[in-house]
Amino acid sequence: MDLNSFFRYPLDQLPFFLLTILIAFTVHEFSHAYFANKFGDPTAKLLGRVTLNPVVHFDLFGVLLLVIAGFGWARPVPVNRANFDKPRLMGVIVSAAGPLSNLLLAIIGTIIYASLVGSGALGGIENERLLTAISMFFSIFNLTNFFLFLFNLIPLPPLDGYRILEDILPPSISRKLQGVEQWSIFIFLLILVIPPLQNATIQPLYQFAQNMYVDLARIIIGLYR
């Protein structure tokens, strides 16, 4: 059996993808937990989730499915909005903290790699395999985090974008959304598994993430010229 046909990602890219997911998922879930605790909800802290230890944030089945099928999940951070002084405002911040943490990781990673390229620092590395590994890691890391930022803002459950929408909309409309939430989850699953729906939704997001990465890298590299 060809292992490359079994996994979603080529074997030579798989270690870099797993390292990327290890960092991206951990920081994402930590950010939710940190701000929830900061705003007065100790639920995540009592469960040991206010930590950068990836073990407490990872869902093994979710990660395996991500590697094999291309979509998966981490362990969601439980949040009790009733503990917030301003539940809707603080709820928006807590929900947005996860995607924004991925955006921050992507920006930092792009700045580092583009600076290495623009300054010529990579030119001093003669080992071709090392150069390839550095380039592959940063490409996967930066693109994945830009994509996770955009993907998690989709306003469908169970994504953060849906929770943000719930807190932004008037309570009467939010209650109506909750009534059809089960169907929204069904729509989300269909988008993930049906190729035409993927091409109409996920693919444009991925392309936009690529554009964000390339455009920012070009700007930074341009600063060195």
N, C-alpha and C. Protein backbone atom coordinates (compact mmCIF):
# COMPACT_ATOMS: atom_id res chain seq x y z
N MET A 1 0.84 -1.20 0.00
CA MET A 1 0.00 0.00 0.00
C MET A 1 0.88 1.25 0.00
N ASP A 2 0.52 2.21 -0.84
CA ASP A 2 1.26 3.47 -0.92
C ASP A 2 0.76 4.39 0.19
N LEU A 3 1.63 4.67 1.16
CA LEU A 3 1.24 5.52 2.28
C LEU A 3 0.88 6.92 1.83
N ASN A 4 1.50 7.39 0.75
CA ASN A 4 1.18 8.73 0.25
C ASN A 4 -0.28 8.82 -0.20
N SER A 5 -0.84 7.69 -0.67
CA SER A 5 -2.24 7.70 -1.09
C SER A 5 -3.18 7.60 0.11
N PHE A 6 -2.66 7.13 1.24
CA PHE A 6 -3.49 6.98 2.44
C PHE A 6 -3.63 8.30 3.17
N PHE A 7 -2.53 9.04 3.31
CA PHE A 7 -2.55 10.31 4.01
C PHE A 7 -2.96 11.44 3.08
N ARG A 8 -3.56 12.45 3.67
CA ARG A 8 -3.99 13.63 2.91
C ARG A 8 -2.79 14.42 2.40
N TYR A 9 -1.69 14.36 3.13
CA TYR A 9 -0.50 15.14 2.80
C TYR A 9 0.65 14.20 2.44
N PRO A 10 1.51 14.61 1.49
CA PRO A 10 2.68 13.78 1.14
C PRO A 10 3.53 13.50 2.38
N LEU A 11 4.15 12.34 2.42
CA LEU A 11 4.91 11.95 3.60
C LEU A 11 6.04 12.93 3.92
N ASP A 12 6.63 13.54 2.88
CA ASP A 12 7.73 14.46 3.15
C ASP A 12 7.24 15.76 3.78
N GLN A 13 5.94 16.06 3.63
CA GLN A 13 5.36 17.26 4.24
C GLN A 13 4.68 16.99 5.57
N LEU A 14 4.37 15.73 5.82
CA LEU A 14 3.58 15.37 6.99
C LEU A 14 4.19 15.82 8.33
N PRO A 15 5.50 15.64 8.56
CA PRO A 15 6.06 16.10 9.84
C PRO A 15 5.91 17.61 10.05
N PHE A 16 6.06 18.39 8.97
CA PHE A 16 5.92 19.84 9.08
C PHE A 16 4.47 20.22 9.32
N PHE A 17 3.56 19.48 8.70
CA PHE A 17 2.14 19.76 8.91
C PHE A 17 1.74 19.43 10.34
N LEU A 18 2.20 18.30 10.87
CA LEU A 18 1.87 17.92 12.23
C LEU A 18 2.43 18.92 13.25
N LEU A 19 3.65 19.39 13.01
CA LEU A 19 4.23 20.40 13.90
C LEU A 19 3.42 21.70 13.83
N THR A 20 3.01 22.05 12.63
CA THR A 20 2.19 23.26 12.45
C THR A 20 0.88 23.14 13.21
N ILE A 21 0.20 22.00 13.08
CA ILE A 21 -1.07 21.79 13.76
C ILE A 21 -0.88 21.77 15.27
N LEU A 22 0.23 21.17 15.71
CA LEU A 22 0.55 21.14 17.13
C LEU A 22 0.59 22.55 17.71
N ILE A 23 1.25 23.46 17.00
CA ILE A 23 1.37 24.84 17.45
C ILE A 23 0.06 25.60 17.26
N ALA A 24 -0.52 25.49 16.06
CA ALA A 24 -1.70 26.28 15.71
C ALA A 24 -2.90 25.94 16.59
N PHE A 25 -3.18 24.65 16.79
CA PHE A 25 -4.32 24.24 17.61
C PHE A 25 -4.10 24.61 19.07
N THR A 26 -2.87 24.41 19.55
CA THR A 26 -2.58 24.70 20.96
C THR A 26 -2.76 26.17 21.27
N VAL A 27 -2.18 27.03 20.45
CA VAL A 27 -2.28 28.47 20.67
C VAL A 27 -3.73 28.93 20.51
N HIS A 28 -4.44 28.38 19.55
CA HIS A 28 -5.83 28.73 19.32
C HIS A 28 -6.69 28.45 20.56
N GLU A 29 -6.62 27.23 21.06
CA GLU A 29 -7.44 26.86 22.21
C GLU A 29 -6.97 27.55 23.49
N PHE A 30 -5.66 27.73 23.64
CA PHE A 30 -5.14 28.47 24.79
C PHE A 30 -5.70 29.89 24.82
N SER A 31 -5.79 30.51 23.65
CA SER A 31 -6.28 31.89 23.57
C SER A 31 -7.72 31.99 24.04
N HIS A 32 -8.56 31.04 23.62
CA HIS A 32 -9.94 31.01 24.13
C HIS A 32 -9.95 30.91 25.65
N ALA A 33 -9.18 29.96 26.16
CA ALA A 33 -9.17 29.69 27.61
C ALA A 33 -8.61 30.88 28.39
N TYR A 34 -7.56 31.48 27.87
CA TYR A 34 -6.91 32.59 28.57
C TYR A 34 -7.85 33.77 28.74
N PHE A 35 -8.51 34.17 27.66
CA PHE A 35 -9.38 35.34 27.73
C PHE A 35 -10.66 35.05 28.50
N ALA A 36 -11.17 33.82 28.41
CA ALA A 36 -12.34 33.46 29.21
C ALA A 36 -12.03 33.58 30.69
N ASN A 37 -10.88 33.07 31.09
CA ASN A 37 -10.45 33.16 32.49
C ASN A 37 -10.20 34.61 32.89
N LYS A 38 -9.61 35.38 31.98
CA LYS A 38 -9.30 36.79 32.25
C LYS A 38 -10.57 37.58 32.49
N PHE A 39 -11.65 37.20 31.82
CA PHE A 39 -12.91 37.93 31.93
C PHE A 39 -13.82 37.40 33.02
N GLY A 40 -13.33 36.44 33.81
CA GLY A 40 -14.09 36.01 34.98
C GLY A 40 -14.71 34.63 34.91
N ASP A 41 -14.48 33.89 33.83
CA ASP A 41 -15.02 32.53 33.76
C ASP A 41 -13.89 31.53 34.02
N PRO A 42 -13.91 30.85 35.18
CA PRO A 42 -12.82 29.95 35.54
C PRO A 42 -12.98 28.53 34.99
N THR A 43 -14.01 28.29 34.18
CA THR A 43 -14.31 26.94 33.72
C THR A 43 -13.11 26.27 33.07
N ALA A 44 -12.52 26.96 32.09
CA ALA A 44 -11.37 26.39 31.37
C ALA A 44 -10.17 26.21 32.29
N LYS A 45 -9.96 27.16 33.18
CA LYS A 45 -8.82 27.08 34.09
C LYS A 45 -8.96 25.88 35.03
N LEU A 46 -10.16 25.63 35.52
CA LEU A 46 -10.39 24.50 36.42
C LEU A 46 -10.15 23.17 35.71
N LEU A 47 -10.28 23.17 34.39
CA LEU A 47 -10.06 21.97 33.60
C LEU A 47 -8.63 21.88 33.08
N GLY A 48 -7.78 22.83 33.49
CA GLY A 48 -6.38 22.81 33.10
C GLY A 48 -6.14 23.24 31.67
N ARG A 49 -7.03 24.06 31.10
CA ARG A 49 -6.91 24.44 29.70
C ARG A 49 -6.17 25.75 29.48
N VAL A 50 -5.89 26.51 30.54
CA VAL A 50 -5.13 27.75 30.38
C VAL A 50 -3.64 27.39 30.39
N THR A 51 -3.22 26.73 29.35
CA THR A 51 -1.85 26.24 29.25
C THR A 51 -1.47 26.07 27.79
N LEU A 52 -0.16 26.13 27.52
CA LEU A 52 0.34 25.89 26.17
C LEU A 52 0.81 24.44 26.02
N ASN A 53 0.42 23.59 26.95
CA ASN A 53 0.71 22.16 26.85
C ASN A 53 -0.24 21.56 25.81
N PRO A 54 0.26 21.11 24.66
CA PRO A 54 -0.63 20.62 23.59
C PRO A 54 -1.43 19.40 23.97
N VAL A 55 -0.97 18.62 24.94
CA VAL A 55 -1.65 17.37 25.31
C VAL A 55 -3.09 17.62 25.74
N VAL A 56 -3.32 18.70 26.48
CA VAL A 56 -4.66 18.95 27.02
C VAL A 56 -5.61 19.54 25.97
N HIS A 57 -5.07 20.00 24.86
CA HIS A 57 -5.91 20.62 23.83
C HIS A 57 -6.20 19.69 22.65
N PHE A 58 -5.45 18.60 22.53
CA PHE A 58 -5.57 17.77 21.34
C PHE A 58 -6.64 16.70 21.49
N ASP A 59 -7.37 16.49 20.41
CA ASP A 59 -8.29 15.38 20.28
C ASP A 59 -7.67 14.41 19.28
N LEU A 60 -7.29 13.23 19.73
CA LEU A 60 -6.54 12.31 18.89
C LEU A 60 -7.30 11.96 17.61
N PHE A 61 -8.58 11.66 17.74
CA PHE A 61 -9.36 11.30 16.56
C PHE A 61 -9.46 12.49 15.61
N GLY A 62 -9.63 13.70 16.17
CA GLY A 62 -9.72 14.89 15.34
C GLY A 62 -8.46 15.13 14.53
N VAL A 63 -7.30 14.89 15.15
CA VAL A 63 -6.03 15.08 14.46
C VAL A 63 -5.81 14.00 13.40
N LEU A 64 -6.15 12.75 13.74
CA LEU A 64 -6.02 11.66 12.77
C LEU A 64 -6.89 11.90 11.54
N LEU A 65 -8.11 12.37 11.77
CA LEU A 65 -9.01 12.66 10.68
C LEU A 65 -8.48 13.81 9.83
N LEU A 66 -7.86 14.78 10.47
CA LEU A 66 -7.28 15.91 9.75
C LEU A 66 -6.17 15.44 8.81
N VAL A 67 -5.33 14.53 9.30
CA VAL A 67 -4.22 14.02 8.50
C VAL A 67 -4.72 13.15 7.34
N ILE A 68 -5.77 12.36 7.60
CA ILE A 68 -6.27 11.42 6.59
C ILE A 68 -7.27 12.07 5.63
N ALA A 69 -8.20 12.85 6.20
CA ALA A 69 -9.30 13.38 5.37
C ALA A 69 -9.17 14.86 5.04
N GLY A 70 -8.30 15.58 5.77
CA GLY A 70 -8.12 16.99 5.47
C GLY A 70 -8.93 17.92 6.34
N PHE A 71 -9.76 17.37 7.25
CA PHE A 71 -10.48 18.23 8.21
C PHE A 71 -10.53 17.51 9.55
N GLY A 72 -10.46 18.30 10.62
CA GLY A 72 -10.44 17.73 11.96
C GLY A 72 -10.66 18.82 12.98
N TRP A 73 -10.27 18.56 14.23
CA TRP A 73 -10.56 19.51 15.30
C TRP A 73 -9.66 19.26 16.50
N ALA A 74 -9.58 20.27 17.35
CA ALA A 74 -8.96 20.13 18.66
C ALA A 74 -10.09 20.00 19.69
N ARG A 75 -9.74 19.80 20.95
CA ARG A 75 -10.75 19.75 22.01
C ARG A 75 -11.27 21.16 22.26
N PRO A 76 -12.57 21.40 22.09
CA PRO A 76 -13.10 22.75 22.30
C PRO A 76 -12.98 23.18 23.76
N VAL A 77 -12.74 24.46 23.96
CA VAL A 77 -12.63 25.01 25.31
C VAL A 77 -14.04 25.36 25.81
N PRO A 78 -14.45 24.81 26.95
CA PRO A 78 -15.77 25.15 27.49
C PRO A 78 -15.78 26.56 28.05
N VAL A 79 -16.80 27.32 27.71
CA VAL A 79 -16.92 28.71 28.17
C VAL A 79 -18.33 28.92 28.70
N ASN A 80 -18.41 29.46 29.91
CA ASN A 80 -19.70 29.81 30.52
C ASN A 80 -19.84 31.33 30.49
N ARG A 81 -20.57 31.84 29.49
CA ARG A 81 -20.70 33.29 29.32
C ARG A 81 -21.42 33.96 30.47
N ALA A 82 -22.18 33.19 31.26
CA ALA A 82 -22.91 33.77 32.41
C ALA A 82 -21.94 34.34 33.45
N ASN A 83 -20.68 33.92 33.41
CA ASN A 83 -19.69 34.42 34.37
C ASN A 83 -19.07 35.75 33.95
N PHE A 84 -19.38 36.20 32.74
CA PHE A 84 -18.81 37.46 32.25
C PHE A 84 -19.63 38.65 32.74
N ASP A 85 -18.96 39.77 33.03
CA ASP A 85 -19.67 40.99 33.39
C ASP A 85 -20.51 41.50 32.22
N LYS A 86 -19.94 41.41 31.02
CA LYS A 86 -20.65 41.80 29.80
C LYS A 86 -20.62 40.59 28.86
N PRO A 87 -21.58 39.68 29.02
CA PRO A 87 -21.53 38.39 28.32
C PRO A 87 -21.38 38.50 26.81
N ARG A 88 -22.09 39.41 26.18
CA ARG A 88 -22.05 39.46 24.72
C ARG A 88 -20.73 40.03 24.22
N LEU A 89 -20.29 41.14 24.80
CA LEU A 89 -19.03 41.76 24.38
C LEU A 89 -17.86 40.84 24.65
N MET A 90 -17.79 40.33 25.88
CA MET A 90 -16.68 39.45 26.24
C MET A 90 -16.76 38.12 25.51
N GLY A 91 -17.99 37.69 25.19
CA GLY A 91 -18.15 36.47 24.41
C GLY A 91 -17.56 36.62 23.02
N VAL A 92 -17.75 37.80 22.41
CA VAL A 92 -17.18 38.07 21.09
C VAL A 92 -15.66 38.02 21.15
N ILE A 93 -15.09 38.65 22.19
CA ILE A 93 -13.63 38.70 22.32
C ILE A 93 -13.06 37.29 22.52
N VAL A 94 -13.70 36.52 23.38
CA VAL A 94 -13.22 35.15 23.65
C VAL A 94 -13.30 34.30 22.38
N SER A 95 -14.40 34.41 21.65
CA SER A 95 -14.55 33.63 20.42
C SER A 95 -13.55 34.07 19.35
N ALA A 96 -13.33 35.37 19.24
CA ALA A 96 -12.42 35.89 18.22
C ALA A 96 -10.96 35.64 18.55
N ALA A 97 -10.66 35.41 19.82
CA ALA A 97 -9.27 35.23 20.25
C ALA A 97 -8.60 34.06 19.55
N GLY A 98 -9.35 32.99 19.30
CA GLY A 98 -8.77 31.81 18.64
C GLY A 98 -8.32 32.10 17.22
N PRO A 99 -9.24 32.54 16.33
CA PRO A 99 -8.82 32.88 14.97
C PRO A 99 -7.74 33.95 14.90
N LEU A 100 -7.86 34.96 15.77
CA LEU A 100 -6.86 36.03 15.75
C LEU A 100 -5.48 35.53 16.18
N SER A 101 -5.45 34.51 17.02
CA SER A 101 -4.16 33.93 17.42
C SER A 101 -3.50 33.25 16.22
N ASN A 102 -4.31 32.62 15.36
CA ASN A 102 -3.77 32.01 14.15
C ASN A 102 -3.27 33.07 13.17
N LEU A 103 -3.99 34.18 13.09
CA LEU A 103 -3.54 35.28 12.24
C LEU A 103 -2.20 35.82 12.74
N LEU A 104 -2.07 35.96 14.05
CA LEU A 104 -0.81 36.46 14.63
C LEU A 104 0.33 35.50 14.35
N LEU A 105 0.09 34.19 14.50
CA LEU A 105 1.12 33.20 14.19
C LEU A 105 1.54 33.28 12.73
N ALA A 106 0.56 33.45 11.83
CA ALA A 106 0.85 33.53 10.40
C ALA A 106 1.69 34.76 10.08
N ILE A 107 1.34 35.87 10.69
CA ILE A 107 2.09 37.12 10.44
C ILE A 107 3.52 37.01 10.96
N ILE A 108 3.67 36.48 12.17
CA ILE A 108 5.01 36.31 12.75
C ILE A 108 5.84 35.37 11.89
N GLY A 109 5.24 34.23 11.50
CA GLY A 109 5.96 33.27 10.67
C GLY A 109 6.36 33.85 9.33
N THR A 110 5.48 34.63 8.73
CA THR A 110 5.78 35.25 7.43
C THR A 110 6.89 36.28 7.56
N ILE A 111 6.85 37.07 8.62
CA ILE A 111 7.89 38.08 8.86
C ILE A 111 9.25 37.40 9.01
N ILE A 112 9.29 36.32 9.77
CA ILE A 112 10.56 35.61 9.99
C ILE A 112 11.11 35.06 8.68
N TYR A 113 10.26 34.33 7.95
CA TYR A 113 10.74 33.68 6.72
C TYR A 113 11.09 34.72 5.64
N ALA A 114 10.24 35.71 5.46
CA ALA A 114 10.50 36.73 4.45
C ALA A 114 11.75 37.53 4.79
N SER A 115 12.00 37.72 6.08
CA SER A 115 13.21 38.43 6.50
C SER A 115 14.46 37.60 6.22
N LEU A 116 14.34 36.29 6.43
CA LEU A 116 15.47 35.40 6.11
C LEU A 116 15.77 35.43 4.61
N VAL A 117 14.72 35.45 3.80
CA VAL A 117 14.89 35.50 2.35
C VAL A 117 15.41 36.86 1.91
N GLY A 118 14.77 37.91 2.39
CA GLY A 118 15.13 39.26 1.96
C GLY A 118 16.52 39.69 2.38
N SER A 119 16.94 39.25 3.56
CA SER A 119 18.26 39.64 4.06
C SER A 119 19.38 38.79 3.47
N GLY A 120 19.02 37.71 2.79
CA GLY A 120 20.03 36.81 2.22
C GLY A 120 20.62 35.86 3.23
N ALA A 121 19.99 35.77 4.42
CA ALA A 121 20.52 34.91 5.48
C ALA A 121 20.50 33.43 5.08
N LEU A 122 19.54 33.07 4.23
CA LEU A 122 19.46 31.67 3.81
C LEU A 122 20.56 31.32 2.82
N GLY A 123 21.17 32.34 2.21
CA GLY A 123 22.22 32.10 1.23
C GLY A 123 23.45 31.46 1.84
N GLY A 124 23.62 31.61 3.15
CA GLY A 124 24.79 31.04 3.81
C GLY A 124 24.63 29.58 4.15
N ILE A 125 23.44 29.03 3.90
CA ILE A 125 23.20 27.61 4.20
C ILE A 125 23.48 26.79 2.94
N GLU A 126 24.47 25.95 3.01
CA GLU A 126 24.86 25.16 1.84
C GLU A 126 24.12 23.83 1.75
N ASN A 127 23.59 23.39 2.86
CA ASN A 127 22.87 22.12 2.88
C ASN A 127 21.52 22.29 2.19
N GLU A 128 21.38 21.66 1.03
CA GLU A 128 20.16 21.84 0.23
C GLU A 128 18.94 21.24 0.92
N ARG A 129 19.12 20.13 1.59
CA ARG A 129 17.99 19.50 2.29
C ARG A 129 17.50 20.38 3.43
N LEU A 130 18.40 21.04 4.11
CA LEU A 130 18.02 21.94 5.18
C LEU A 130 17.26 23.14 4.64
N LEU A 131 17.73 23.69 3.52
CA LEU A 131 17.05 24.82 2.89
C LEU A 131 15.63 24.44 2.48
N THR A 132 15.50 23.25 1.90
CA THR A 132 14.19 22.77 1.48
C THR A 132 13.27 22.60 2.69
N ALA A 133 13.82 22.06 3.77
CA ALA A 133 13.03 21.83 4.99
C ALA A 133 12.55 23.15 5.58
N ILE A 134 13.43 24.15 5.62
CA ILE A 134 13.06 25.47 6.16
C ILE A 134 11.95 26.09 5.32
N SER A 135 12.12 26.05 4.01
CA SER A 135 11.12 26.63 3.11
C SER A 135 9.78 25.91 3.23
N MET A 136 9.83 24.57 3.29
CA MET A 136 8.60 23.78 3.37
C MET A 136 7.86 24.05 4.68
N PHE A 137 8.62 24.09 5.78
CA PHE A 137 7.98 24.32 7.07
C PHE A 137 7.28 25.67 7.12
N PHE A 138 7.97 26.73 6.72
CA PHE A 138 7.37 28.06 6.81
C PHE A 138 6.20 28.21 5.85
N SER A 139 6.28 27.60 4.68
CA SER A 139 5.16 27.66 3.74
C SER A 139 3.92 26.99 4.34
N ILE A 140 4.10 25.80 4.89
CA ILE A 140 2.99 25.08 5.51
C ILE A 140 2.48 25.82 6.74
N PHE A 141 3.40 26.27 7.58
CA PHE A 141 3.02 26.93 8.83
C PHE A 141 2.25 28.21 8.56
N ASN A 142 2.78 29.05 7.69
CA ASN A 142 2.16 30.35 7.44
C ASN A 142 0.82 30.21 6.71
N LEU A 143 0.80 29.39 5.67
CA LEU A 143 -0.42 29.22 4.90
C LEU A 143 -1.52 28.57 5.73
N THR A 144 -1.16 27.57 6.53
CA THR A 144 -2.14 26.89 7.37
C THR A 144 -2.75 27.84 8.39
N ASN A 145 -1.93 28.69 9.00
CA ASN A 145 -2.45 29.62 10.00
C ASN A 145 -3.29 30.73 9.38
N PHE A 146 -2.92 31.21 8.21
CA PHE A 146 -3.78 32.18 7.51
C PHE A 146 -5.13 31.53 7.19
N PHE A 147 -5.08 30.26 6.73
CA PHE A 147 -6.31 29.57 6.38
C PHE A 147 -7.18 29.32 7.63
N LEU A 148 -6.57 28.89 8.73
CA LEU A 148 -7.33 28.65 9.96
C LEU A 148 -8.00 29.92 10.46
N PHE A 149 -7.32 31.04 10.30
CA PHE A 149 -7.91 32.33 10.68
C PHE A 149 -9.19 32.57 9.90
N LEU A 150 -9.14 32.41 8.59
CA LEU A 150 -10.31 32.64 7.75
C LEU A 150 -11.39 31.57 7.95
N PHE A 151 -10.96 30.32 8.00
CA PHE A 151 -11.90 29.20 8.11
C PHE A 151 -12.73 29.29 9.38
N ASN A 152 -12.09 29.61 10.49
CA ASN A 152 -12.80 29.65 11.76
C ASN A 152 -13.75 30.82 11.89
N LEU A 153 -13.70 31.77 10.95
CA LEU A 153 -14.63 32.89 10.97
C LEU A 153 -15.89 32.61 10.16
N ILE A 154 -15.98 31.42 9.53
CA ILE A 154 -17.21 31.04 8.83
C ILE A 154 -18.36 31.00 9.85
N PRO A 155 -19.46 31.69 9.58
CA PRO A 155 -20.55 31.76 10.58
C PRO A 155 -21.46 30.53 10.59
N LEU A 156 -20.85 29.36 10.76
CA LEU A 156 -21.61 28.12 10.89
C LEU A 156 -21.09 27.37 12.11
N PRO A 157 -22.00 26.75 12.89
CA PRO A 157 -21.52 25.96 14.03
C PRO A 157 -20.78 24.74 13.54
N PRO A 158 -19.75 24.31 14.24
CA PRO A 158 -19.32 24.73 15.58
C PRO A 158 -18.18 25.74 15.56
N LEU A 159 -18.03 26.50 14.47
CA LEU A 159 -16.89 27.39 14.32
C LEU A 159 -17.06 28.67 15.13
N ASP A 160 -15.94 29.35 15.36
CA ASP A 160 -15.94 30.57 16.17
C ASP A 160 -16.77 31.67 15.53
N GLY A 161 -16.80 31.70 14.20
CA GLY A 161 -17.57 32.73 13.51
C GLY A 161 -19.04 32.68 13.86
N TYR A 162 -19.56 31.48 14.11
CA TYR A 162 -20.97 31.34 14.49
C TYR A 162 -21.20 31.91 15.89
N ARG A 163 -20.27 31.63 16.81
CA ARG A 163 -20.42 32.15 18.18
C ARG A 163 -20.31 33.67 18.19
N ILE A 164 -19.44 34.22 17.35
CA ILE A 164 -19.33 35.68 17.25
C ILE A 164 -20.64 36.26 16.74
N LEU A 165 -21.20 35.62 15.71
CA LEU A 165 -22.47 36.07 15.15
C LEU A 165 -23.58 36.02 16.19
N GLU A 166 -23.62 34.96 16.97
CA GLU A 166 -24.62 34.83 18.04
C GLU A 166 -24.58 36.00 19.00
N ASP A 167 -23.36 36.42 19.36
CA ASP A 167 -23.22 37.49 20.35
C ASP A 167 -23.42 38.87 19.75
N ILE A 168 -23.22 39.01 18.46
CA ILE A 168 -23.39 40.31 17.81
C ILE A 168 -24.86 40.60 17.51
N LEU A 169 -25.58 39.58 17.08
CA LEU A 169 -26.98 39.78 16.70
C LEU A 169 -27.87 40.04 17.92
N PRO A 170 -28.99 40.71 17.72
CA PRO A 170 -29.95 40.91 18.82
C PRO A 170 -30.38 39.57 19.41
N PRO A 171 -30.65 39.53 20.71
CA PRO A 171 -31.01 38.27 21.38
C PRO A 171 -32.15 37.52 20.71
N SER A 172 -33.15 38.24 20.19
CA SER A 172 -34.30 37.58 19.57
C SER A 172 -33.87 36.79 18.34
N ILE A 173 -32.96 37.35 17.56
CA ILE A 173 -32.48 36.65 16.36
C ILE A 173 -31.55 35.51 16.75
N SER A 174 -30.73 35.73 17.79
CA SER A 174 -29.82 34.68 18.27
C SER A 174 -30.58 33.45 18.70
N ARG A 175 -31.74 33.66 19.36
CA ARG A 175 -32.56 32.53 19.80
C ARG A 175 -33.10 31.75 18.60
N LYS A 176 -33.45 32.46 17.55
CA LYS A 176 -33.93 31.79 16.34
C LYS A 176 -32.82 30.98 15.69
N LEU A 177 -31.59 31.53 15.73
CA LEU A 177 -30.44 30.80 15.18
C LEU A 177 -30.23 29.49 15.93
N GLN A 178 -30.36 29.54 17.25
CA GLN A 178 -30.17 28.34 18.06
C GLN A 178 -31.19 27.26 17.71
N GLY A 179 -32.36 27.70 17.26
CA GLY A 179 -33.40 26.75 16.90
C GLY A 179 -33.08 25.96 15.64
N VAL A 180 -32.26 26.54 14.77
CA VAL A 180 -31.89 25.84 13.53
C VAL A 180 -30.42 25.43 13.53
N GLU A 181 -29.79 25.45 14.71
CA GLU A 181 -28.35 25.18 14.80
C GLU A 181 -28.01 23.78 14.30
N GLN A 182 -28.87 22.81 14.59
CA GLN A 182 -28.58 21.44 14.17
C GLN A 182 -28.52 21.33 12.65
N TRP A 183 -29.35 22.09 11.95
CA TRP A 183 -29.33 22.07 10.49
C TRP A 183 -28.11 22.80 9.96
N SER A 184 -27.68 23.83 10.68
CA SER A 184 -26.48 24.57 10.28
C SER A 184 -25.25 23.67 10.36
N ILE A 185 -25.19 22.86 11.40
CA ILE A 185 -24.08 21.91 11.53
C ILE A 185 -24.10 20.91 10.37
N PHE A 186 -25.29 20.49 9.97
CA PHE A 186 -25.42 19.56 8.85
C PHE A 186 -24.91 20.20 7.56
N ILE A 187 -25.24 21.48 7.36
CA ILE A 187 -24.74 22.21 6.18
C ILE A 187 -23.22 22.29 6.22
N PHE A 188 -22.66 22.56 7.39
CA PHE A 188 -21.21 22.65 7.54
C PHE A 188 -20.54 21.33 7.17
N LEU A 189 -21.10 20.21 7.62
CA LEU A 189 -20.54 18.90 7.31
C LEU A 189 -20.62 18.60 5.81
N LEU A 190 -21.71 19.01 5.19
CA LEU A 190 -21.85 18.80 3.74
C LEU A 190 -20.78 19.57 2.98
N ILE A 191 -20.49 20.78 3.43
CA ILE A 191 -19.45 21.60 2.78
C ILE A 191 -18.10 20.89 2.85
N LEU A 192 -17.84 20.20 3.97
CA LEU A 192 -16.56 19.55 4.15
C LEU A 192 -16.39 18.29 3.31
N VAL A 193 -17.48 17.60 3.01
CA VAL A 193 -17.36 16.29 2.37
C VAL A 193 -17.77 16.25 0.90
N ILE A 194 -18.51 17.26 0.42
CA ILE A 194 -18.97 17.24 -0.97
C ILE A 194 -18.08 18.15 -1.81
N PRO A 195 -17.34 17.58 -2.78
CA PRO A 195 -16.37 18.35 -3.57
C PRO A 195 -16.90 19.63 -4.20
N PRO A 196 -18.08 19.64 -4.86
CA PRO A 196 -18.56 20.90 -5.44
C PRO A 196 -18.77 22.01 -4.40
N LEU A 197 -19.25 21.63 -3.23
CA LEU A 197 -19.44 22.62 -2.16
C LEU A 197 -18.09 23.09 -1.62
N GLN A 198 -17.13 22.16 -1.54
CA GLN A 198 -15.77 22.55 -1.14
C GLN A 198 -15.19 23.56 -2.11
N ASN A 199 -15.38 23.31 -3.40
CA ASN A 199 -14.82 24.19 -4.42
C ASN A 199 -15.45 25.58 -4.38
N ALA A 200 -16.70 25.65 -3.93
CA ALA A 200 -17.40 26.93 -3.89
C ALA A 200 -17.15 27.70 -2.60
N THR A 201 -16.65 27.03 -1.57
CA THR A 201 -16.48 27.69 -0.26
C THR A 201 -15.04 27.59 0.26
N ILE A 202 -14.58 26.36 0.49
CA ILE A 202 -13.26 26.16 1.10
C ILE A 202 -12.15 26.60 0.16
N GLN A 203 -12.27 26.26 -1.12
CA GLN A 203 -11.22 26.59 -2.08
C GLN A 203 -10.97 28.10 -2.20
N PRO A 204 -12.02 28.94 -2.29
CA PRO A 204 -11.78 30.39 -2.31
C PRO A 204 -11.10 30.90 -1.04
N LEU A 205 -11.45 30.31 0.12
CA LEU A 205 -10.80 30.70 1.37
C LEU A 205 -9.32 30.36 1.34
N TYR A 206 -9.03 29.17 0.82
CA TYR A 206 -7.64 28.73 0.73
C TYR A 206 -6.85 29.64 -0.22
N GLN A 207 -7.47 30.01 -1.33
CA GLN A 207 -6.82 30.90 -2.28
C GLN A 207 -6.57 32.28 -1.66
N PHE A 208 -7.54 32.76 -0.88
CA PHE A 208 -7.38 34.05 -0.21
C PHE A 208 -6.27 33.99 0.82
N ALA A 209 -6.18 32.85 1.53
CA ALA A 209 -5.09 32.67 2.50
C ALA A 209 -3.74 32.70 1.79
N GLN A 210 -3.65 32.05 0.64
CA GLN A 210 -2.41 32.09 -0.15
C GLN A 210 -2.05 33.51 -0.53
N ASN A 211 -3.06 34.28 -0.97
CA ASN A 211 -2.81 35.67 -1.36
C ASN A 211 -2.33 36.51 -0.19
N MET A 212 -2.91 36.27 0.99
CA MET A 212 -2.48 37.01 2.18
C MET A 212 -1.01 36.71 2.48
N TYR A 213 -0.65 35.44 2.40
CA TYR A 213 0.73 35.02 2.68
C TYR A 213 1.70 35.62 1.68
N VAL A 214 1.39 35.46 0.39
CA VAL A 214 2.29 35.93 -0.66
C VAL A 214 2.43 37.45 -0.63
N ASP A 215 1.32 38.16 -0.47
CA ASP A 215 1.36 39.62 -0.48
C ASP A 215 2.17 40.17 0.70
N LEU A 216 1.97 39.59 1.89
CA LEU A 216 2.73 40.06 3.05
C LEU A 216 4.21 39.74 2.89
N ALA A 217 4.52 38.55 2.38
CA ALA A 217 5.92 38.17 2.17
C ALA A 217 6.59 39.11 1.17
N ARG A 218 5.90 39.47 0.11
CA ARG A 218 6.46 40.38 -0.88
C ARG A 218 6.76 41.75 -0.29
N ILE A 219 5.85 42.22 0.54
CA ILE A 219 6.06 43.53 1.17
C ILE A 219 7.31 43.51 2.05
N ILE A 220 7.44 42.46 2.84
CA ILE A 220 8.59 42.38 3.76
C ILE A 220 9.89 42.21 3.00
N ILE A 221 9.91 41.33 2.01
CA ILE A 221 11.11 41.14 1.19
C ILE A 221 11.49 42.44 0.50
N GLY A 222 10.46 43.19 0.06
CA GLY A 222 10.71 44.46 -0.62
C GLY A 222 11.41 45.48 0.26
N LEU A 223 11.24 45.37 1.57
CA LEU A 223 11.88 46.30 2.49
C LEU A 223 13.40 46.14 2.49
N TYR A 224 13.89 44.99 2.06
CA TYR A 224 15.32 44.72 2.06
C TYR A 224 15.98 45.12 0.73
N ARG A 225 15.19 45.66 -0.20
CA ARG A 225 15.76 45.99 -1.51
C ARG A 225 15.88 47.50 -1.68
